[in-house]
Amino acid sequence: RPVTNAADLAGLKLRVMENEVYTATFKALNVNAVPMAWSE
Protein backbone atom coordinates (compact mmCIF):
# COMPACT_ATOMS: atom_id res chain seq x y z
CA ARG A 1 0.00 0.00 0.00
CA PRO A 2 0.99 3.66 -0.29
CA VAL A 3 2.69 4.96 2.86
CA THR A 4 1.93 8.61 3.53
CA ASN A 5 2.62 8.70 7.28
CA ALA A 6 4.18 6.62 10.04
CA ALA A 7 0.92 4.82 10.86
CA ASP A 8 0.75 3.40 7.32
CA LEU A 9 3.92 1.39 7.97
CA ALA A 10 2.42 -0.61 10.84
CA GLY A 11 2.53 -4.35 10.25
CA LEU A 12 4.54 -4.29 7.02
CA LYS A 13 7.31 -6.88 6.78
CA LEU A 14 10.38 -5.00 5.58
CA ARG A 15 13.99 -5.93 5.05
CA VAL A 16 16.43 -3.68 6.91
CA MET A 17 20.22 -3.65 6.95
CA GLU A 18 21.93 -5.95 9.42
CA ASN A 19 22.30 -3.17 11.95
CA GLU A 20 20.86 -2.76 15.42
CA VAL A 21 19.93 0.93 15.02
CA TYR A 22 18.05 0.32 11.77
CA THR A 23 16.17 -2.56 13.34
CA ALA A 24 15.27 -0.42 16.37
CA THR A 25 14.14 2.43 14.11
CA PHE A 26 11.69 0.28 12.19
CA LYS A 27 10.44 -1.52 15.26
CA ALA A 28 9.61 1.94 16.66
CA LEU A 29 7.52 2.42 13.51
CA ASN A 30 5.68 -0.87 14.27
CA VAL A 31 7.24 -2.57 11.27
CA ASN A 32 8.04 -6.27 11.22
CA ALA A 33 11.73 -5.52 10.63
CA VAL A 34 13.80 -8.35 9.15
CA PRO A 35 17.61 -7.80 9.18
CA MET A 36 18.91 -9.41 6.01
CA ALA A 37 21.80 -9.26 3.55
CA TRP A 38 20.93 -7.41 0.35
CA SER A 39 21.57 -10.44 -1.86
CA GLU A 40 19.01 -12.40 0.14
PDB file of all heavy atoms in Angstrom:
ATOM      1  N   ARG A   1       0.829  -1.210   0.000  1.00  0.00           N
ATOM      2  CA  ARG A   1       0.000   0.000   0.000  1.00  0.00           C
ATOM      3  C   ARG A   1       0.862   1.258   0.000  1.00  0.00           C
ATOM      4  O   ARG A   1       2.030   1.212   0.395  1.00  0.00           O
ATOM      5  CB  ARG A   1      -0.907   0.020   1.238  1.00  0.00           C
ATOM      6  CG  ARG A   1      -0.149  -0.072   2.566  1.00  0.00           C
ATOM      7  CD  ARG A   1      -1.078  -0.017   3.777  1.00  0.00           C
ATOM      8  NE  ARG A   1      -0.355  -0.198   5.033  1.00  0.00           N
ATOM      9  CZ  ARG A   1      -0.218  -1.372   5.643  1.00  0.00           C
ATOM     10  NH1 ARG A   1      -0.756  -2.462   5.105  1.00  0.00           N
ATOM     11  NH2 ARG A   1       0.435  -1.462   6.786  1.00  0.00           N
ATOM     12  N   PRO A   2       0.262   2.389  -0.400  1.00  0.00           N
ATOM     13  CA  PRO A   2       0.987   3.655  -0.287  1.00  0.00           C
ATOM     14  C   PRO A   2       1.207   3.986   1.192  1.00  0.00           C
ATOM     15  O   PRO A   2       0.338   3.728   2.028  1.00  0.00           O
ATOM     16  CB  PRO A   2       0.037   4.677  -0.929  1.00  0.00           C
ATOM     17  CG  PRO A   2      -0.966   3.882  -1.683  1.00  0.00           C
ATOM     18  CD  PRO A   2      -1.076   2.559  -1.000  1.00  0.00           C
ATOM     19  N   VAL A   3       2.371   4.544   1.488  1.00  0.00           N
ATOM     20  CA  VAL A   3       2.690   4.956   2.857  1.00  0.00           C
ATOM     21  C   VAL A   3       2.828   6.477   2.846  1.00  0.00           C
ATOM     22  O   VAL A   3       3.758   7.015   2.253  1.00  0.00           O
ATOM     23  CB  VAL A   3       3.990   4.292   3.355  1.00  0.00           C
ATOM     24  CG1 VAL A   3       4.425   4.881   4.693  1.00  0.00           C
ATOM     25  CG2 VAL A   3       3.808   2.778   3.474  1.00  0.00           C
ATOM     26  N   THR A   4       1.892   7.139   3.503  1.00  0.00           N
ATOM     27  CA  THR A   4       1.925   8.608   3.533  1.00  0.00           C
ATOM     28  C   THR A   4       2.308   9.150   4.901  1.00  0.00           C
ATOM     29  O   THR A   4       2.643  10.323   5.041  1.00  0.00           O
ATOM     30  CB  THR A   4       0.553   9.188   3.136  1.00  0.00           C
ATOM     31  OG1 THR A   4      -0.430   8.745   4.077  1.00  0.00           O
ATOM     32  CG2 THR A   4       0.152   8.737   1.734  1.00  0.00           C
ATOM     33  N   ASN A   5       2.245   8.296   5.929  1.00  0.00           N
ATOM     34  CA  ASN A   5       2.622   8.698   7.280  1.00  0.00           C
ATOM     35  C   ASN A   5       3.120   7.481   8.039  1.00  0.00           C
ATOM     36  O   ASN A   5       3.056   6.350   7.541  1.00  0.00           O
ATOM     37  CB  ASN A   5       1.446   9.365   8.006  1.00  0.00           C
ATOM     38  CG  ASN A   5       0.220   8.473   8.045  1.00  0.00           C
ATOM     39  OD1 ASN A   5       0.291   7.313   8.419  1.00  0.00           O
ATOM     40  ND2 ASN A   5      -0.932   9.002   7.626  1.00  0.00           N
ATOM     41  N   ALA A   6       3.589   7.705   9.254  1.00  0.00           N
ATOM     42  CA  ALA A   6       4.181   6.620  10.039  1.00  0.00           C
ATOM     43  C   ALA A   6       3.189   5.494  10.314  1.00  0.00           C
ATOM     44  O   ALA A   6       3.558   4.313  10.293  1.00  0.00           O
ATOM     45  CB  ALA A   6       4.720   7.172  11.353  1.00  0.00           C
ATOM     46  N   ALA A   7       1.928   5.833  10.539  1.00  0.00           N
ATOM     47  CA  ALA A   7       0.919   4.818  10.856  1.00  0.00           C
ATOM     48  C   ALA A   7       0.733   3.824   9.713  1.00  0.00           C
ATOM     49  O   ALA A   7       0.417   2.648   9.946  1.00  0.00           O
ATOM     50  CB  ALA A   7      -0.402   5.498  11.200  1.00  0.00           C
ATOM     51  N   ASP A   8       0.938   4.282   8.481  1.00  0.00           N
ATOM     52  CA  ASP A   8       0.747   3.400   7.321  1.00  0.00           C
ATOM     53  C   ASP A   8       1.772   2.274   7.265  1.00  0.00           C
ATOM     54  O   ASP A   8       1.584   1.288   6.544  1.00  0.00           O
ATOM     55  CB  ASP A   8       0.827   4.210   6.022  1.00  0.00           C
ATOM     56  CG  ASP A   8      -0.336   5.162   5.842  1.00  0.00           C
ATOM     57  OD1 ASP A   8      -1.411   4.909   6.414  1.00  0.00           O
ATOM     58  OD2 ASP A   8      -0.161   6.171   5.123  1.00  0.00           O
ATOM     59  N   LEU A   9       2.878   2.417   7.987  1.00  0.00           N
ATOM     60  CA  LEU A   9       3.919   1.391   7.974  1.00  0.00           C
ATOM     61  C   LEU A   9       3.585   0.206   8.874  1.00  0.00           C
ATOM     62  O   LEU A   9       4.156  -0.879   8.713  1.00  0.00           O
ATOM     63  CB  LEU A   9       5.248   1.980   8.441  1.00  0.00           C
ATOM     64  CG  LEU A   9       6.052   2.803   7.438  1.00  0.00           C
ATOM     65  CD1 LEU A   9       7.227   3.467   8.139  1.00  0.00           C
ATOM     66  CD2 LEU A   9       6.551   1.930   6.291  1.00  0.00           C
ATOM     67  N   ALA A  10       2.690   0.402   9.809  1.00  0.00           N
ATOM     68  CA  ALA A  10       2.417  -0.612  10.838  1.00  0.00           C
ATOM     69  C   ALA A  10       2.084  -1.971  10.211  1.00  0.00           C
ATOM     70  O   ALA A  10       1.221  -2.076   9.336  1.00  0.00           O
ATOM     71  CB  ALA A  10       1.280  -0.153  11.739  1.00  0.00           C
ATOM     72  N   GLY A  11       2.804  -2.988  10.676  1.00  0.00           N
ATOM     73  CA  GLY A  11       2.529  -4.348  10.246  1.00  0.00           C
ATOM     74  C   GLY A  11       3.239  -4.803   8.993  1.00  0.00           C
ATOM     75  O   GLY A  11       3.244  -6.002   8.685  1.00  0.00           O
ATOM     76  N   LEU A  12       3.830  -3.885   8.233  1.00  0.00           N
ATOM     77  CA  LEU A  12       4.543  -4.287   7.022  1.00  0.00           C
ATOM     78  C   LEU A  12       5.809  -5.067   7.375  1.00  0.00           C
ATOM     79  O   LEU A  12       6.497  -4.749   8.344  1.00  0.00           O
ATOM     80  CB  LEU A  12       4.914  -3.070   6.183  1.00  0.00           C
ATOM     81  CG  LEU A  12       3.766  -2.318   5.497  1.00  0.00           C
ATOM     82  CD1 LEU A  12       4.297  -1.088   4.768  1.00  0.00           C
ATOM     83  CD2 LEU A  12       3.031  -3.235   4.519  1.00  0.00           C
ATOM     84  N   LYS A  13       6.113  -6.068   6.570  1.00  0.00           N
ATOM     85  CA  LYS A  13       7.310  -6.884   6.781  1.00  0.00           C
ATOM     86  C   LYS A  13       8.389  -6.388   5.828  1.00  0.00           C
ATOM     87  O   LYS A  13       8.345  -6.626   4.618  1.00  0.00           O
ATOM     88  CB  LYS A  13       7.008  -8.354   6.515  1.00  0.00           C
ATOM     89  CG  LYS A  13       8.136  -9.302   6.917  1.00  0.00           C
ATOM     90  CD  LYS A  13       7.708 -10.756   6.755  1.00  0.00           C
ATOM     91  CE  LYS A  13       8.782 -11.705   7.263  1.00  0.00           C
ATOM     92  NZ  LYS A  13       8.368 -13.119   7.120  1.00  0.00           N
ATOM     93  N   LEU A  14       9.367  -5.649   6.388  1.00  0.00           N
ATOM     94  CA  LEU A  14      10.376  -4.999   5.576  1.00  0.00           C
ATOM     95  C   LEU A  14      11.780  -5.482   5.890  1.00  0.00           C
ATOM     96  O   LEU A  14      12.129  -5.668   7.065  1.00  0.00           O
ATOM     97  CB  LEU A  14      10.343  -3.475   5.792  1.00  0.00           C
ATOM     98  CG  LEU A  14       9.017  -2.741   5.573  1.00  0.00           C
ATOM     99  CD1 LEU A  14       9.223  -1.245   5.791  1.00  0.00           C
ATOM    100  CD2 LEU A  14       8.470  -2.994   4.173  1.00  0.00           C
ATOM    101  N   ARG A  15      12.585  -5.643   4.856  1.00  0.00           N
ATOM    102  CA  ARG A  15      13.993  -5.934   5.048  1.00  0.00           C
ATOM    103  C   ARG A  15      14.711  -4.659   5.489  1.00  0.00           C
ATOM    104  O   ARG A  15      14.494  -3.579   4.956  1.00  0.00           O
ATOM    105  CB  ARG A  15      14.620  -6.429   3.745  1.00  0.00           C
ATOM    106  CG  ARG A  15      16.144  -6.653   3.819  1.00  0.00           C
ATOM    107  CD  ARG A  15      16.937  -5.449   3.302  1.00  0.00           C
ATOM    108  NE  ARG A  15      18.391  -5.667   3.429  1.00  0.00           N
ATOM    109  CZ  ARG A  15      19.313  -4.807   3.060  1.00  0.00           C
ATOM    110  NH1 ARG A  15      18.963  -3.638   2.549  1.00  0.00           N
ATOM    111  NH2 ARG A  15      20.594  -5.076   3.221  1.00  0.00           N
ATOM    112  N   VAL A  16      15.570  -4.781   6.503  1.00  0.00           N
ATOM    113  CA  VAL A  16      16.429  -3.676   6.907  1.00  0.00           C
ATOM    114  C   VAL A  16      17.868  -4.183   6.910  1.00  0.00           C
ATOM    115  O   VAL A  16      18.117  -5.384   6.924  1.00  0.00           O
ATOM    116  CB  VAL A  16      16.074  -3.112   8.306  1.00  0.00           C
ATOM    117  CG1 VAL A  16      14.655  -2.560   8.320  1.00  0.00           C
ATOM    118  CG2 VAL A  16      16.246  -4.176   9.393  1.00  0.00           C
ATOM    119  N   MET A  17      18.812  -3.257   6.885  1.00  0.00           N
ATOM    120  CA  MET A  17      20.224  -3.651   6.950  1.00  0.00           C
ATOM    121  C   MET A  17      20.503  -4.367   8.262  1.00  0.00           C
ATOM    122  O   MET A  17      19.812  -4.158   9.259  1.00  0.00           O
ATOM    123  CB  MET A  17      21.129  -2.433   6.808  1.00  0.00           C
ATOM    124  CG  MET A  17      21.214  -1.898   5.410  1.00  0.00           C
ATOM    125  SD  MET A  17      22.643  -0.806   5.178  1.00  0.00           S
ATOM    126  CE  MET A  17      22.171   0.603   6.169  1.00  0.00           C
ATOM    127  N   GLU A  18      21.552  -5.180   8.231  1.00  0.00           N
ATOM    128  CA  GLU A  18      21.934  -5.947   9.422  1.00  0.00           C
ATOM    129  C   GLU A  18      22.637  -5.018  10.409  1.00  0.00           C
ATOM    130  O   GLU A  18      23.854  -5.028  10.549  1.00  0.00           O
ATOM    131  CB  GLU A  18      22.834  -7.110   9.005  1.00  0.00           C
ATOM    132  CG  GLU A  18      22.131  -8.103   8.095  1.00  0.00           C
ATOM    133  CD  GLU A  18      23.069  -9.103   7.467  1.00  0.00           C
ATOM    134  OE1 GLU A  18      23.863  -8.704   6.607  1.00  0.00           O
ATOM    135  OE2 GLU A  18      23.017 -10.293   7.855  1.00  0.00           O
ATOM    136  N   ASN A  19      21.808  -4.250  11.093  1.00  0.00           N
ATOM    137  CA  ASN A  19      22.303  -3.173  11.948  1.00  0.00           C
ATOM    138  C   ASN A  19      21.270  -2.915  13.033  1.00  0.00           C
ATOM    139  O   ASN A  19      20.079  -2.745  12.756  1.00  0.00           O
ATOM    140  CB  ASN A  19      22.520  -1.936  11.066  1.00  0.00           C
ATOM    141  CG  ASN A  19      22.852  -0.685  11.838  1.00  0.00           C
ATOM    142  OD1 ASN A  19      22.038  -0.191  12.604  1.00  0.00           O
ATOM    143  ND2 ASN A  19      24.025  -0.143  11.607  1.00  0.00           N
ATOM    144  N   GLU A  20      21.746  -2.882  14.259  1.00  0.00           N
ATOM    145  CA  GLU A  20      20.855  -2.763  15.420  1.00  0.00           C
ATOM    146  C   GLU A  20      20.030  -1.479  15.411  1.00  0.00           C
ATOM    147  O   GLU A  20      18.841  -1.480  15.750  1.00  0.00           O
ATOM    148  CB  GLU A  20      21.722  -2.815  16.687  1.00  0.00           C
ATOM    149  CG  GLU A  20      20.948  -2.891  17.981  1.00  0.00           C
ATOM    150  CD  GLU A  20      21.883  -2.919  19.176  1.00  0.00           C
ATOM    151  OE1 GLU A  20      22.851  -3.709  19.166  1.00  0.00           O
ATOM    152  OE2 GLU A  20      21.642  -2.133  20.112  1.00  0.00           O
ATOM    153  N   VAL A  21      20.645  -0.352  15.015  1.00  0.00           N
ATOM    154  CA  VAL A  21      19.927   0.929  15.022  1.00  0.00           C
ATOM    155  C   VAL A  21      18.817   0.928  13.985  1.00  0.00           C
ATOM    156  O   VAL A  21      17.697   1.406  14.247  1.00  0.00           O
ATOM    157  CB  VAL A  21      20.899   2.106  14.789  1.00  0.00           C
ATOM    158  CG1 VAL A  21      20.129   3.424  14.672  1.00  0.00           C
ATOM    159  CG2 VAL A  21      21.911   2.186  15.927  1.00  0.00           C
ATOM    160  N   TYR A  22      19.091   0.390  12.797  1.00  0.00           N
ATOM    161  CA  TYR A  22      18.054   0.320  11.770  1.00  0.00           C
ATOM    162  C   TYR A  22      16.888  -0.552  12.235  1.00  0.00           C
ATOM    163  O   TYR A  22      15.718  -0.218  12.020  1.00  0.00           O
ATOM    164  CB  TYR A  22      18.629  -0.230  10.461  1.00  0.00           C
ATOM    165  CG  TYR A  22      19.266   0.834   9.605  1.00  0.00           C
ATOM    166  CD1 TYR A  22      20.622   1.134   9.738  1.00  0.00           C
ATOM    167  CD2 TYR A  22      18.530   1.558   8.680  1.00  0.00           C
ATOM    168  CE1 TYR A  22      21.223   2.115   8.974  1.00  0.00           C
ATOM    169  CE2 TYR A  22      19.123   2.537   7.900  1.00  0.00           C
ATOM    170  CZ  TYR A  22      20.469   2.809   8.057  1.00  0.00           C
ATOM    171  OH  TYR A  22      21.054   3.790   7.297  1.00  0.00           O
ATOM    172  N   THR A  23      17.218  -1.666  12.840  1.00  0.00           N
ATOM    173  CA  THR A  23      16.173  -2.559  13.335  1.00  0.00           C
ATOM    174  C   THR A  23      15.334  -1.851  14.392  1.00  0.00           C
ATOM    175  O   THR A  23      14.097  -1.902  14.362  1.00  0.00           O
ATOM    176  CB  THR A  23      16.794  -3.844  13.921  1.00  0.00           C
ATOM    177  OG1 THR A  23      17.601  -4.461  12.928  1.00  0.00           O
ATOM    178  CG2 THR A  23      15.706  -4.819  14.356  1.00  0.00           C
ATOM    179  N   ALA A  24      15.993  -1.155  15.320  1.00  0.00           N
ATOM    180  CA  ALA A  24      15.268  -0.419  16.368  1.00  0.00           C
ATOM    181  C   ALA A  24      14.393   0.679  15.776  1.00  0.00           C
ATOM    182  O   ALA A  24      13.255   0.904  16.237  1.00  0.00           O
ATOM    183  CB  ALA A  24      16.270   0.177  17.359  1.00  0.00           C
ATOM    184  N   THR A  25      14.901   1.356  14.760  1.00  0.00           N
ATOM    185  CA  THR A  25      14.139   2.433  14.113  1.00  0.00           C
ATOM    186  C   THR A  25      12.832   1.901  13.542  1.00  0.00           C
ATOM    187  O   THR A  25      11.756   2.481  13.754  1.00  0.00           O
ATOM    188  CB  THR A  25      14.976   3.089  12.999  1.00  0.00           C
ATOM    189  OG1 THR A  25      16.115   3.729  13.587  1.00  0.00           O
ATOM    190  CG2 THR A  25      14.159   4.106  12.215  1.00  0.00           C
ATOM    191  N   PHE A  26      12.903   0.795  12.829  1.00  0.00           N
ATOM    192  CA  PHE A  26      11.689   0.283  12.189  1.00  0.00           C
ATOM    193  C   PHE A  26      10.760  -0.429  13.161  1.00  0.00           C
ATOM    194  O   PHE A  26       9.540  -0.444  12.962  1.00  0.00           O
ATOM    195  CB  PHE A  26      12.059  -0.570  10.974  1.00  0.00           C
ATOM    196  CG  PHE A  26      12.369   0.294   9.790  1.00  0.00           C
ATOM    197  CD1 PHE A  26      13.649   0.749   9.565  1.00  0.00           C
ATOM    198  CD2 PHE A  26      11.360   0.718   8.939  1.00  0.00           C
ATOM    199  CE1 PHE A  26      13.936   1.605   8.510  1.00  0.00           C
ATOM    200  CE2 PHE A  26      11.617   1.566   7.879  1.00  0.00           C
ATOM    201  CZ  PHE A  26      12.907   2.004   7.667  1.00  0.00           C
ATOM    202  N   LYS A  27      11.318  -0.965  14.221  1.00  0.00           N
ATOM    203  CA  LYS A  27      10.436  -1.520  15.259  1.00  0.00           C
ATOM    204  C   LYS A  27       9.664  -0.398  15.941  1.00  0.00           C
ATOM    205  O   LYS A  27       8.503  -0.564  16.307  1.00  0.00           O
ATOM    206  CB  LYS A  27      11.253  -2.322  16.276  1.00  0.00           C
ATOM    207  CG  LYS A  27      11.673  -3.689  15.732  1.00  0.00           C
ATOM    208  CD  LYS A  27      12.360  -4.548  16.780  1.00  0.00           C
ATOM    209  CE  LYS A  27      12.655  -5.931  16.233  1.00  0.00           C
ATOM    210  NZ  LYS A  27      13.372  -6.777  17.216  1.00  0.00           N
ATOM    211  N   ALA A  28      10.302   0.777  16.093  1.00  0.00           N
ATOM    212  CA  ALA A  28       9.607   1.940  16.662  1.00  0.00           C
ATOM    213  C   ALA A  28       8.465   2.397  15.763  1.00  0.00           C
ATOM    214  O   ALA A  28       7.496   3.011  16.222  1.00  0.00           O
ATOM    215  CB  ALA A  28      10.587   3.085  16.880  1.00  0.00           C
ATOM    216  N   LEU A  29       8.570   2.080  14.480  1.00  0.00           N
ATOM    217  CA  LEU A  29       7.517   2.419  13.514  1.00  0.00           C
ATOM    218  C   LEU A  29       6.511   1.276  13.355  1.00  0.00           C
ATOM    219  O   LEU A  29       5.686   1.293  12.439  1.00  0.00           O
ATOM    220  CB  LEU A  29       8.159   2.727  12.153  1.00  0.00           C
ATOM    221  CG  LEU A  29       8.958   4.036  12.094  1.00  0.00           C
ATOM    222  CD1 LEU A  29       9.918   4.038  10.915  1.00  0.00           C
ATOM    223  CD2 LEU A  29       8.020   5.232  12.043  1.00  0.00           C
ATOM    224  N   ASN A  30       6.597   0.290  14.265  1.00  0.00           N
ATOM    225  CA  ASN A  30       5.685  -0.870  14.270  1.00  0.00           C
ATOM    226  C   ASN A  30       5.783  -1.723  13.008  1.00  0.00           C
ATOM    227  O   ASN A  30       4.809  -2.346  12.576  1.00  0.00           O
ATOM    228  CB  ASN A  30       4.231  -0.416  14.494  1.00  0.00           C
ATOM    229  CG  ASN A  30       4.032   0.196  15.864  1.00  0.00           C
ATOM    230  OD1 ASN A  30       4.473  -0.363  16.871  1.00  0.00           O
ATOM    231  ND2 ASN A  30       3.389   1.362  15.907  1.00  0.00           N
ATOM    232  N   VAL A  31       6.965  -1.735  12.434  1.00  0.00           N
ATOM    233  CA  VAL A  31       7.236  -2.572  11.268  1.00  0.00           C
ATOM    234  C   VAL A  31       7.745  -3.925  11.743  1.00  0.00           C
ATOM    235  O   VAL A  31       8.437  -4.016  12.763  1.00  0.00           O
ATOM    236  CB  VAL A  31       8.295  -1.886  10.373  1.00  0.00           C
ATOM    237  CG1 VAL A  31       8.890  -2.848   9.362  1.00  0.00           C
ATOM    238  CG2 VAL A  31       7.679  -0.678   9.668  1.00  0.00           C
ATOM    239  N   ASN A  32       7.431  -4.970  10.987  1.00  0.00           N
ATOM    240  CA  ASN A  32       8.042  -6.273  11.216  1.00  0.00           C
ATOM    241  C   ASN A  32       9.391  -6.227  10.507  1.00  0.00           C
ATOM    242  O   ASN A  32       9.509  -6.540   9.330  1.00  0.00           O
ATOM    243  CB  ASN A  32       7.152  -7.374  10.645  1.00  0.00           C
ATOM    244  CG  ASN A  32       7.719  -8.769  10.871  1.00  0.00           C
ATOM    245  OD1 ASN A  32       8.816  -8.928  11.410  1.00  0.00           O
ATOM    246  ND2 ASN A  32       6.993  -9.785  10.442  1.00  0.00           N
ATOM    247  N   ALA A  33      10.417  -5.772  11.226  1.00  0.00           N
ATOM    248  CA  ALA A  33      11.732  -5.524  10.634  1.00  0.00           C
ATOM    249  C   ALA A  33      12.541  -6.818  10.561  1.00  0.00           C
ATOM    250  O   ALA A  33      12.720  -7.507  11.567  1.00  0.00           O
ATOM    251  CB  ALA A  33      12.484  -4.479  11.452  1.00  0.00           C
ATOM    252  N   VAL A  34      13.033  -7.124   9.365  1.00  0.00           N
ATOM    253  CA  VAL A  34      13.799  -8.347   9.150  1.00  0.00           C
ATOM    254  C   VAL A  34      15.218  -7.987   8.702  1.00  0.00           C
ATOM    255  O   VAL A  34      15.430  -7.611   7.549  1.00  0.00           O
ATOM    256  CB  VAL A  34      13.136  -9.239   8.077  1.00  0.00           C
ATOM    257  CG1 VAL A  34      13.897 -10.553   7.927  1.00  0.00           C
ATOM    258  CG2 VAL A  34      11.678  -9.491   8.402  1.00  0.00           C
ATOM    259  N   PRO A  35      16.218  -8.060   9.596  1.00  0.00           N
ATOM    260  CA  PRO A  35      17.608  -7.795   9.180  1.00  0.00           C
ATOM    261  C   PRO A  35      18.056  -8.873   8.199  1.00  0.00           C
ATOM    262  O   PRO A  35      17.890 -10.069   8.452  1.00  0.00           O
ATOM    263  CB  PRO A  35      18.395  -7.882  10.489  1.00  0.00           C
ATOM    264  CG  PRO A  35      17.373  -7.775  11.578  1.00  0.00           C
ATOM    265  CD  PRO A  35      16.121  -8.369  11.025  1.00  0.00           C
ATOM    266  N   MET A  36      18.611  -8.445   7.067  1.00  0.00           N
ATOM    267  CA  MET A  36      18.909  -9.408   6.010  1.00  0.00           C
ATOM    268  C   MET A  36      19.953  -8.830   5.060  1.00  0.00           C
ATOM    269  O   MET A  36      19.937  -7.631   4.761  1.00  0.00           O
ATOM    270  CB  MET A  36      17.610  -9.695   5.240  1.00  0.00           C
ATOM    271  CG  MET A  36      17.686 -10.748   4.172  1.00  0.00           C
ATOM    272  SD  MET A  36      16.086 -10.901   3.275  1.00  0.00           S
ATOM    273  CE  MET A  36      15.016 -11.523   4.575  1.00  0.00           C
ATOM    274  N   ALA A  37      20.840  -9.676   4.568  1.00  0.00           N
ATOM    275  CA  ALA A  37      21.805  -9.256   3.553  1.00  0.00           C
ATOM    276  C   ALA A  37      21.067  -8.876   2.277  1.00  0.00           C
ATOM    277  O   ALA A  37      20.020  -9.462   1.963  1.00  0.00           O
ATOM    278  CB  ALA A  37      22.801 -10.373   3.273  1.00  0.00           C
ATOM    279  N   TRP A  38      21.617  -7.914   1.548  1.00  0.00           N
ATOM    280  CA  TRP A  38      20.927  -7.413   0.351  1.00  0.00           C
ATOM    281  C   TRP A  38      20.719  -8.509  -0.690  1.00  0.00           C
ATOM    282  O   TRP A  38      19.666  -8.598  -1.332  1.00  0.00           O
ATOM    283  CB  TRP A  38      21.715  -6.251  -0.251  1.00  0.00           C
ATOM    284  CG  TRP A  38      21.086  -5.690  -1.489  1.00  0.00           C
ATOM    285  CD1 TRP A  38      21.638  -5.591  -2.722  1.00  0.00           C
ATOM    286  CD2 TRP A  38      19.771  -5.129  -1.609  1.00  0.00           C
ATOM    287  NE1 TRP A  38      20.756  -5.010  -3.605  1.00  0.00           N
ATOM    288  CE2 TRP A  38      19.599  -4.722  -2.944  1.00  0.00           C
ATOM    289  CE3 TRP A  38      18.720  -4.948  -0.706  1.00  0.00           C
ATOM    290  CZ2 TRP A  38      18.425  -4.133  -3.417  1.00  0.00           C
ATOM    291  CZ3 TRP A  38      17.543  -4.356  -1.172  1.00  0.00           C
ATOM    292  CH2 TRP A  38      17.406  -3.966  -2.510  1.00  0.00           C
ATOM    293  N   SER A  39      21.703  -9.364  -0.876  1.00  0.00           N
ATOM    294  CA  SER A  39      21.575 -10.438  -1.864  1.00  0.00           C
ATOM    295  C   SER A  39      20.398 -11.353  -1.546  1.00  0.00           C
ATOM    296  O   SER A  39      19.713 -11.839  -2.451  1.00  0.00           O
ATOM    297  CB  SER A  39      22.873 -11.254  -1.928  1.00  0.00           C
ATOM    298  OG  SER A  39      23.202 -11.753  -0.645  1.00  0.00           O
ATOM    299  N   GLU A  40      20.141 -11.568  -0.276  1.00  0.00           N
ATOM    300  CA  GLU A  40      19.007 -12.404   0.136  1.00  0.00           C
ATOM    301  C   GLU A  40      17.692 -11.656   0.004  1.00  0.00           C
ATOM    302  O   GLU A  40      16.645 -12.252  -0.254  1.00  0.00           O
ATOM    303  CB  GLU A  40      19.205 -12.863   1.587  1.00  0.00           C
ATOM    304  CG  GLU A  40      20.423 -13.741   1.800  1.00  0.00           C
ATOM    305  CD  GLU A  40      20.688 -13.980   3.292  1.00  0.00           C
ATOM    306  OE1 GLU A  40      19.800 -13.684   4.115  1.00  0.00           O
ATOM    307  OE2 GLU A  40      21.794 -14.435   3.618  1.00  0.00           O
TER     308      GLU A  40
END
